[in-house]
Amino acid sequence: MSCSYFKKIILQEREVITIMFEISGYKINTLIYESDLSSVYRGNRSHDFQPVILKILKLEYPTAEAIARYKLEYEICNRLREIEGVVKA
């Protein structure tokens, strides 16, 4: 199964276009946070309806520094996964 999230692009004329992307296996429900570099969504995994938070990089070609930062974020979350209430990575 594939699911979608939406990315807003503001053109020079201030017109907003919404472009749809799909992430297989997930249903995205709500945009939680958006920055210049990423968007964070609340959703569910399709096969078991497990609640998930998805952080999506906005840059088509992120820098090595940006990738390293997000990998470190993942590693920190993954190390804390045994603590109740902490987001599982």
N, C-alpha and C. Protein backbone atom coordinates (compact mmCIF):
# COMPACT_ATOMS: atom_id res chain seq x y z
N MET A 1 0.84 -1.19 0.00
CA MET A 1 0.00 0.00 0.00
C MET A 1 0.88 1.24 0.00
N SER A 2 0.42 2.27 -0.62
CA SER A 2 1.15 3.52 -0.57
C SER A 2 0.24 4.59 -0.01
N CYS A 3 0.85 5.54 0.64
CA CYS A 3 0.11 6.65 1.23
C CYS A 3 0.76 7.95 0.80
N SER A 4 0.16 9.05 1.13
CA SER A 4 0.62 10.32 0.59
C SER A 4 0.88 11.35 1.68
N TYR A 5 1.77 12.24 1.38
CA TYR A 5 1.87 13.46 2.15
C TYR A 5 2.01 14.59 1.15
N PHE A 6 1.81 15.81 1.59
CA PHE A 6 1.76 16.93 0.68
C PHE A 6 2.83 17.94 1.02
N LYS A 7 3.46 18.48 0.01
CA LYS A 7 4.50 19.48 0.18
C LYS A 7 4.04 20.76 -0.50
N LYS A 8 4.06 21.85 0.22
CA LYS A 8 3.63 23.13 -0.35
C LYS A 8 4.84 23.85 -0.93
N ILE A 9 4.67 24.38 -2.10
CA ILE A 9 5.71 25.16 -2.74
C ILE A 9 5.13 26.54 -3.01
N ILE A 10 5.83 27.58 -2.56
CA ILE A 10 5.37 28.95 -2.79
C ILE A 10 6.15 29.51 -3.97
N LEU A 11 5.44 29.88 -5.00
CA LEU A 11 6.05 30.43 -6.20
C LEU A 11 6.31 31.92 -6.02
N GLN A 12 7.04 32.51 -6.95
CA GLN A 12 7.37 33.93 -6.88
C GLN A 12 6.14 34.80 -6.81
N GLU A 13 5.07 34.38 -7.46
CA GLU A 13 3.84 35.17 -7.47
C GLU A 13 3.01 34.94 -6.20
N ARG A 14 3.55 34.24 -5.24
CA ARG A 14 2.88 33.93 -3.97
C ARG A 14 1.75 32.92 -4.14
N GLU A 15 1.73 32.22 -5.26
CA GLU A 15 0.75 31.16 -5.48
C GLU A 15 1.26 29.90 -4.78
N VAL A 16 0.38 29.19 -4.14
CA VAL A 16 0.77 27.97 -3.44
C VAL A 16 0.32 26.76 -4.24
N ILE A 17 1.26 25.88 -4.51
CA ILE A 17 0.97 24.63 -5.21
C ILE A 17 1.23 23.49 -4.24
N THR A 18 0.38 22.49 -4.24
CA THR A 18 0.58 21.32 -3.39
C THR A 18 0.98 20.16 -4.28
N ILE A 19 2.12 19.55 -3.95
CA ILE A 19 2.62 18.41 -4.70
C ILE A 19 2.50 17.18 -3.81
N MET A 20 1.96 16.10 -4.35
CA MET A 20 1.74 14.90 -3.56
C MET A 20 2.91 13.94 -3.73
N PHE A 21 3.38 13.39 -2.61
CA PHE A 21 4.39 12.35 -2.59
C PHE A 21 3.78 11.14 -1.91
N GLU A 22 4.28 9.96 -2.21
CA GLU A 22 3.76 8.75 -1.60
C GLU A 22 4.86 8.07 -0.79
N ILE A 23 4.46 7.50 0.32
CA ILE A 23 5.36 6.70 1.14
C ILE A 23 4.67 5.36 1.33
N SER A 24 5.21 4.36 0.71
CA SER A 24 4.60 3.03 0.73
C SER A 24 4.54 2.49 2.15
N GLY A 25 3.37 1.97 2.52
CA GLY A 25 3.20 1.32 3.81
C GLY A 25 2.76 2.24 4.95
N TYR A 26 2.51 3.52 4.65
CA TYR A 26 2.13 4.46 5.70
C TYR A 26 0.94 5.30 5.27
N LYS A 27 0.10 5.65 6.23
CA LYS A 27 -0.99 6.59 6.01
C LYS A 27 -0.67 7.83 6.83
N ILE A 28 -0.52 8.93 6.17
CA ILE A 28 -0.16 10.17 6.86
C ILE A 28 -1.43 10.95 7.15
N ASN A 29 -1.58 11.35 8.43
CA ASN A 29 -2.79 12.02 8.88
C ASN A 29 -2.64 13.53 9.07
N THR A 30 -1.54 13.95 9.71
CA THR A 30 -1.44 15.34 10.13
C THR A 30 -0.01 15.86 10.02
N LEU A 31 0.13 17.08 9.53
CA LEU A 31 1.42 17.77 9.58
C LEU A 31 1.58 18.29 11.00
N ILE A 32 2.68 17.92 11.66
CA ILE A 32 2.93 18.35 13.04
C ILE A 32 3.84 19.57 13.06
N TYR A 33 4.87 19.54 12.22
CA TYR A 33 5.88 20.60 12.25
C TYR A 33 6.50 20.71 10.87
N GLU A 34 6.88 21.93 10.50
CA GLU A 34 7.54 22.14 9.22
C GLU A 34 8.62 23.19 9.37
N SER A 35 9.81 22.90 8.86
CA SER A 35 10.91 23.87 8.84
C SER A 35 11.41 23.98 7.41
N ASP A 36 12.45 24.76 7.21
CA ASP A 36 13.02 24.89 5.87
C ASP A 36 13.63 23.58 5.38
N LEU A 37 14.08 22.73 6.32
CA LEU A 37 14.78 21.51 5.95
C LEU A 37 13.94 20.24 5.99
N SER A 38 12.88 20.22 6.80
CA SER A 38 12.12 18.98 6.95
C SER A 38 10.67 19.25 7.33
N SER A 39 9.87 18.19 7.19
CA SER A 39 8.47 18.20 7.63
C SER A 39 8.28 16.98 8.52
N VAL A 40 7.47 17.14 9.58
CA VAL A 40 7.19 16.05 10.51
C VAL A 40 5.69 15.78 10.48
N TYR A 41 5.34 14.51 10.27
CA TYR A 41 3.95 14.11 10.13
C TYR A 41 3.58 13.04 11.14
N ARG A 42 2.33 13.03 11.56
CA ARG A 42 1.75 11.96 12.38
C ARG A 42 0.96 11.07 11.44
N GLY A 43 1.09 9.76 11.62
CA GLY A 43 0.36 8.84 10.76
C GLY A 43 0.28 7.46 11.37
N ASN A 44 0.04 6.48 10.52
CA ASN A 44 -0.07 5.08 10.94
C ASN A 44 0.62 4.20 9.93
N ARG A 45 1.22 3.12 10.43
CA ARG A 45 1.76 2.09 9.55
C ARG A 45 0.57 1.30 9.02
N SER A 46 0.52 1.07 7.73
CA SER A 46 -0.66 0.50 7.09
C SER A 46 -0.97 -0.93 7.53
N HIS A 47 0.04 -1.77 7.69
CA HIS A 47 -0.24 -3.19 7.93
C HIS A 47 -0.72 -3.50 9.34
N ASP A 48 -0.38 -2.65 10.33
CA ASP A 48 -0.82 -2.94 11.70
C ASP A 48 -1.41 -1.71 12.41
N PHE A 49 -1.55 -0.60 11.70
CA PHE A 49 -2.13 0.64 12.23
C PHE A 49 -1.35 1.21 13.42
N GLN A 50 -0.09 0.82 13.57
CA GLN A 50 0.78 1.34 14.63
C GLN A 50 0.98 2.84 14.39
N PRO A 51 0.76 3.67 15.42
CA PRO A 51 1.00 5.11 15.24
C PRO A 51 2.48 5.38 14.98
N VAL A 52 2.75 6.30 14.06
CA VAL A 52 4.13 6.64 13.72
C VAL A 52 4.27 8.15 13.56
N ILE A 53 5.50 8.61 13.70
CA ILE A 53 5.88 9.97 13.37
C ILE A 53 6.90 9.85 12.25
N LEU A 54 6.68 10.54 11.15
CA LEU A 54 7.59 10.49 10.01
C LEU A 54 8.23 11.85 9.82
N LYS A 55 9.55 11.87 9.77
CA LYS A 55 10.28 13.10 9.50
C LYS A 55 10.84 12.99 8.10
N ILE A 56 10.47 13.91 7.24
CA ILE A 56 10.81 13.86 5.82
C ILE A 56 11.73 15.04 5.48
N LEU A 57 12.88 14.75 4.90
CA LEU A 57 13.77 15.81 4.44
C LEU A 57 13.17 16.48 3.22
N LYS A 58 13.21 17.80 3.17
CA LYS A 58 12.65 18.54 2.04
C LYS A 58 13.62 18.65 0.87
N LEU A 59 14.90 18.64 1.17
CA LEU A 59 15.89 18.83 0.12
C LEU A 59 16.01 17.58 -0.74
N GLU A 60 15.97 17.77 -2.04
CA GLU A 60 16.13 16.63 -2.94
C GLU A 60 17.55 16.08 -2.85
N TYR A 61 18.51 16.95 -2.65
CA TYR A 61 19.91 16.56 -2.51
C TYR A 61 20.49 17.18 -1.24
N PRO A 62 20.21 16.58 -0.06
CA PRO A 62 20.71 17.15 1.19
C PRO A 62 22.23 17.06 1.27
N THR A 63 22.80 17.99 2.01
CA THR A 63 24.25 18.00 2.19
C THR A 63 24.66 16.82 3.07
N ALA A 64 25.93 16.49 3.03
CA ALA A 64 26.46 15.43 3.90
C ALA A 64 26.25 15.79 5.37
N GLU A 65 26.36 17.08 5.68
CA GLU A 65 26.14 17.54 7.06
C GLU A 65 24.69 17.30 7.50
N ALA A 66 23.74 17.60 6.63
CA ALA A 66 22.32 17.39 6.95
C ALA A 66 22.03 15.91 7.15
N ILE A 67 22.56 15.07 6.29
CA ILE A 67 22.35 13.63 6.43
C ILE A 67 22.95 13.13 7.73
N ALA A 68 24.15 13.58 8.06
CA ALA A 68 24.80 13.17 9.32
C ALA A 68 23.98 13.60 10.53
N ARG A 69 23.40 14.80 10.49
CA ARG A 69 22.58 15.30 11.60
C ARG A 69 21.34 14.43 11.80
N TYR A 70 20.68 14.05 10.70
CA TYR A 70 19.48 13.22 10.82
C TYR A 70 19.82 11.79 11.23
N LYS A 71 20.96 11.29 10.80
CA LYS A 71 21.40 9.96 11.26
C LYS A 71 21.67 9.98 12.75
N LEU A 72 22.29 11.05 13.25
CA LEU A 72 22.55 11.17 14.69
C LEU A 72 21.24 11.24 15.46
N GLU A 73 20.27 11.99 14.95
CA GLU A 73 18.93 12.06 15.57
C GLU A 73 18.33 10.67 15.69
N TYR A 74 18.42 9.90 14.60
CA TYR A 74 17.88 8.54 14.60
C TYR A 74 18.60 7.67 15.63
N GLU A 75 19.92 7.75 15.66
CA GLU A 75 20.70 6.93 16.60
C GLU A 75 20.35 7.26 18.05
N ILE A 76 20.18 8.53 18.35
CA ILE A 76 19.81 8.93 19.73
C ILE A 76 18.44 8.37 20.08
N CYS A 77 17.46 8.53 19.18
CA CYS A 77 16.12 7.98 19.44
C CYS A 77 16.17 6.47 19.60
N ASN A 78 16.96 5.82 18.78
CA ASN A 78 17.07 4.36 18.83
C ASN A 78 17.66 3.89 20.15
N ARG A 79 18.63 4.61 20.70
CA ARG A 79 19.25 4.25 21.98
C ARG A 79 18.29 4.43 23.15
N LEU A 80 17.34 5.33 23.00
CA LEU A 80 16.39 5.62 24.08
C LEU A 80 15.11 4.80 23.99
N ARG A 81 15.03 3.89 23.03
CA ARG A 81 13.78 3.19 22.73
C ARG A 81 13.23 2.35 23.87
N GLU A 82 14.05 1.95 24.81
CA GLU A 82 13.58 1.11 25.91
C GLU A 82 12.88 1.92 27.01
N ILE A 83 12.97 3.24 26.95
CA ILE A 83 12.37 4.09 27.96
C ILE A 83 10.92 4.34 27.57
N GLU A 84 10.00 4.06 28.47
CA GLU A 84 8.57 4.23 28.18
C GLU A 84 8.27 5.71 27.89
N GLY A 85 7.51 5.95 26.84
CA GLY A 85 7.13 7.30 26.47
C GLY A 85 8.04 7.96 25.46
N VAL A 86 9.19 7.33 25.17
CA VAL A 86 10.13 7.88 24.20
C VAL A 86 9.76 7.35 22.82
N VAL A 87 9.81 8.22 21.83
CA VAL A 87 9.51 7.84 20.45
C VAL A 87 10.47 6.75 20.01
N LYS A 88 9.95 5.71 19.41
CA LYS A 88 10.76 4.59 18.92
C LYS A 88 11.25 4.91 17.52
N ALA A 89 12.53 4.71 17.28
CA ALA A 89 13.11 4.98 15.96
C ALA A 89 13.37 3.68 15.22
